C-alpha atoms as a PDB file:
ATOM      1  CA  MET A   1     122.711  94.933 114.625  1.00  0.00           C
ATOM      2  CA  ALA A   2     120.155  94.989 111.832  1.00  0.00           C
ATOM      3  CA  CYS A   3     116.953  92.960 111.985  1.00  0.00           C
ATOM      4  CA  LEU A   4     114.539  92.171 109.176  1.00  0.00           C
ATOM      5  CA  MET A   5     110.923  91.733 110.166  1.00  0.00           C
ATOM      6  CA  THR A   6     108.966  89.559 107.734  1.00  0.00           C
ATOM      7  CA  LEU A   7     105.274  90.294 108.148  1.00  0.00           C
ATOM      8  CA  ARG A   8     102.990  87.638 106.653  1.00  0.00           C
ATOM      9  CA  SER A   9      99.930  88.005 108.883  1.00  0.00           C
ATOM     10  CA  THR A  10      96.641  89.480 107.842  1.00  0.00           C
ATOM     11  CA  PRO A  11      95.602  92.576 109.792  1.00  0.00           C
ATOM     12  CA  TYR A  12      92.077  91.173 110.151  1.00  0.00           C
ATOM     13  CA  GLY A  13      91.009  89.388 113.314  1.00  0.00           C
ATOM     14  CA  LEU A  14      94.482  88.601 114.669  1.00  0.00           C
ATOM     15  CA  GLN A  15      96.809  90.485 116.977  1.00  0.00           C
ATOM     16  CA  ALA A  16      99.942  89.305 115.129  1.00  0.00           C
ATOM     17  CA  ALA A  17      99.992  92.322 112.794  1.00  0.00           C
ATOM     18  CA  LYS A  18      99.866  94.842 115.632  1.00  0.00           C
ATOM     19  CA  GLU A  19     102.294  92.879 117.783  1.00  0.00           C
ATOM     20  CA  SER A  20     104.825  92.558 114.979  1.00  0.00           C
ATOM     21  CA  LEU A  21     104.768  96.307 114.399  1.00  0.00           C
ATOM     22  CA  ASP A  22     105.113  96.902 118.158  1.00  0.00           C
ATOM     23  CA  VAL A  23     108.222  94.690 118.182  1.00  0.00           C
ATOM     24  CA  THR A  24     109.588  96.639 115.220  1.00  0.00           C
ATOM     25  CA  LEU A  25     109.158  99.938 117.079  1.00  0.00           C
ATOM     26  CA  VAL A  26     110.893  98.524 120.161  1.00  0.00           C
ATOM     27  CA  LEU A  27     113.826  97.362 118.036  1.00  0.00           C
ATOM     28  CA  ALA A  28     114.091 100.819 116.496  1.00  0.00           C
ATOM     29  CA  ALA A  29     113.980 102.457 119.939  1.00  0.00           C
ATOM     30  CA  PHE A  30     117.033 100.378 120.848  1.00  0.00           C
ATOM     31  CA  GLU A  31     118.785 101.335 117.594  1.00  0.00           C
ATOM     32  CA  GLN A  32     118.589  97.871 116.044  1.00  0.00           C
ATOM     33  CA  SER A  33     117.949  99.247 112.521  1.00  0.00           C
ATOM     34  CA  PRO A  34     114.901  97.172 111.618  1.00  0.00           C
ATOM     35  CA  GLY A  35     113.625  96.781 108.091  1.00  0.00           C
ATOM     36  CA  ILE A  36     110.239  95.320 107.189  1.00  0.00           C
ATOM     37  CA  LEU A  37     109.290  92.930 104.402  1.00  0.00           C
ATOM     38  CA  PHE A  38     105.545  92.631 103.785  1.00  0.00           C
ATOM     39  CA  ILE A  39     104.744  89.345 102.093  1.00  0.00           C
ATOM     40  CA  ASP A  40     101.655  87.186 101.473  1.00  0.00           C
ATOM     41  CA  ASP A  41      98.693  88.426 103.586  1.00  0.00           C
ATOM     42  CA  GLY A  42     101.047  90.900 105.273  1.00  0.00           C
ATOM     43  CA  VAL A  43     100.683  93.319 102.341  1.00  0.00           C
ATOM     44  CA  LEU A  44      97.101  93.912 103.497  1.00  0.00           C
ATOM     45  CA  GLN A  45      98.527  95.690 106.552  1.00  0.00           C
ATOM     46  CA  LEU A  46      99.516  98.527 104.229  1.00  0.00           C
ATOM     47  CA  LEU A  47      96.054  99.214 102.854  1.00  0.00           C
ATOM     48  CA  PRO A  48      94.553 102.579 103.812  1.00  0.00           C
ATOM     49  CA  PRO A  49      91.710 102.552 106.380  1.00  0.00           C
ATOM     50  CA  SER A  50      89.090 102.977 103.666  1.00  0.00           C
ATOM     51  CA  HIS A  51      89.896  99.464 102.387  1.00  0.00           C
ATOM     52  CA  LEU A  52      89.443  97.823 105.787  1.00  0.00           C
ATOM     53  CA  PRO A  53      86.196  96.144 106.858  1.00  0.00           C
ATOM     54  CA  SER A  54      84.513  98.526 109.299  1.00  0.00           C
ATOM     55  CA  SER A  55      84.437  95.995 112.134  1.00  0.00           C
ATOM     56  CA  TYR A  56      88.253  95.958 112.401  1.00  0.00           C
ATOM     57  CA  LYS A  57      90.570  98.441 114.065  1.00  0.00           C
ATOM     58  CA  HIS A  58      93.145  99.824 111.643  1.00  0.00           C
ATOM     59  CA  ILE A  59      96.862  99.743 112.468  1.00  0.00           C
ATOM     60  CA  GLY A  60      97.512 102.884 110.436  1.00  0.00           C
ATOM     61  CA  LYS A  61      98.659 104.921 113.434  1.00  0.00           C
ATOM     62  CA  ILE A  62     101.407 102.406 114.130  1.00  0.00           C
ATOM     63  CA  LEU A  63     102.421 102.437 110.463  1.00  0.00           C
ATOM     64  CA  CYS A  64     102.632 106.231 110.548  1.00  0.00           C
ATOM     65  CA  ALA A  65     104.975 105.983 113.549  1.00  0.00           C
ATOM     66  CA  LEU A  66     107.529 104.009 111.537  1.00  0.00           C
ATOM     67  CA  GLU A  67     108.987 107.193 110.085  1.00  0.00           C
ATOM     68  CA  MET A  68     109.256 108.803 113.533  1.00  0.00           C
ATOM     69  CA  TYR A  69     111.347 105.818 114.610  1.00  0.00           C
ATOM     70  CA  ASP A  70     113.580 106.148 111.525  1.00  0.00           C
ATOM     71  CA  ILE A  71     112.245 102.966 109.962  1.00  0.00           C
ATOM     72  CA  HIS A  72     112.507 103.695 106.260  1.00  0.00           C
ATOM     73  CA  GLN A  73     113.391 100.302 104.835  1.00  0.00           C
ATOM     74  CA  LEU A  74     110.018  98.908 103.811  1.00  0.00           C
ATOM     75  CA  TRP A  75     109.746  96.226 101.147  1.00  0.00           C
ATOM     76  CA  VAL A  76     106.737  94.554  99.577  1.00  0.00           C
ATOM     77  CA  GLU A  77     106.986  91.374  97.567  1.00  0.00           C
ATOM     78  CA  GLN A  78     105.729  91.917  94.014  1.00  0.00           C
ATOM     79  CA  GLN A  79     103.937  88.573  93.737  1.00  0.00           C
ATOM     80  CA  SER A  80     102.011  89.271  96.945  1.00  0.00           C
ATOM     81  CA  LEU A  81     100.800  92.578  95.537  1.00  0.00           C
ATOM     82  CA  GLU A  82      99.724  90.825  92.355  1.00  0.00           C
ATOM     83  CA  GLN A  83      97.907  88.136  94.336  1.00  0.00           C
ATOM     84  CA  PHE A  84      95.594  90.819  95.736  1.00  0.00           C
ATOM     85  CA  GLY A  85      95.441  92.924  92.573  1.00  0.00           C
ATOM     86  CA  LEU A  86      97.321  95.796  94.225  1.00  0.00           C
ATOM     87  CA  LEU A  87      99.919  98.313  93.104  1.00  0.00           C
ATOM     88  CA  ALA A  88     102.493  99.989  95.325  1.00  0.00           C
ATOM     89  CA  THR A  89     100.556 103.248  94.821  1.00  0.00           C
ATOM     90  CA  ASP A  90      97.500 101.652  96.500  1.00  0.00           C
ATOM     91  CA  LEU A  91      99.375 101.322  99.798  1.00  0.00           C
ATOM     92  CA  SER A  92      99.421 103.738 102.725  1.00  0.00           C
ATOM     93  CA  GLN A  93     103.234 103.790 102.984  1.00  0.00           C
ATOM     94  CA  THR A  94     106.022 104.361 100.496  1.00  0.00           C
ATOM     95  CA  VAL A  95     107.629 100.980  99.856  1.00  0.00           C
ATOM     96  CA  THR A  96     110.213  99.339  97.666  1.00  0.00           C
ATOM     97  CA  VAL A  97     108.756  96.527  95.596  1.00  0.00           C
ATOM     98  CA  ILE A  98     110.960  93.434  95.470  1.00  0.00           C
ATOM     99  CA  ASP A  99     110.622  90.337  93.329  1.00  0.00           C
ATOM    100  CA  ARG A 100     110.354  86.965  95.081  1.00  0.00           C
ATOM    101  CA  SER A 101     113.651  85.906  93.520  1.00  0.00           C
ATOM    102  CA  LYS A 102     115.431  88.765  95.362  1.00  0.00           C
ATOM    103  CA  VAL A 103     114.056  88.025  98.849  1.00  0.00           C
ATOM    104  CA  ALA A 104     116.902  85.625  99.749  1.00  0.00           C
ATOM    105  CA  SER A 105     119.401  88.348  98.853  1.00  0.00           C
ATOM    106  CA  LEU A 106     117.512  90.788 101.079  1.00  0.00           C
ATOM    107  CA  TYR A 107     117.768  88.370 104.016  1.00  0.00           C
ATOM    108  CA  THR A 108     121.556  88.289 103.689  1.00  0.00           C
ATOM    109  CA  GLN A 109     121.717  92.031 104.382  1.00  0.00           C
ATOM    110  CA  TYR A 110     120.424  91.518 107.942  1.00  0.00           C
ATOM    111  CA  ASP A 111     121.948  89.898 111.025  1.00  0.00           C
ATOM    112  CA  GLN A 112     118.634  88.735 112.483  1.00  0.00           C
ATOM    113  CA  HIS A 113     115.206  87.770 111.110  1.00  0.00           C
ATOM    114  CA  LEU A 114     111.846  87.679 112.817  1.00  0.00           C
ATOM    115  CA  VAL A 115     108.798  86.285 111.021  1.00  0.00           C
ATOM    116  CA  PHE A 116     105.226  87.089 112.040  1.00  0.00           C
END
């Protein structure tokens, strides 16, 4: 059963970003085929450590583990990138950029959805 994780939370000051990635890894460990959509403030989770305020712990190690868990379906909403003046090449992971108008179609490809 496939599950799409929609990550909207900023990585700064909240545990939601780390917890959502932990849930994603657990789903993958139980062969639930998770995919991840980074949207709104969630795109900031994909910035490399050098772009993070020094007082915050980076979740980069968890992001690097995604490949080990065979999580390869990573999407970023185009308008969210534009909101922060980012390009897909600025991110720490290889992602597929998706337009906001295609997000509903992406949801239909999954049996379950979790939003963080």
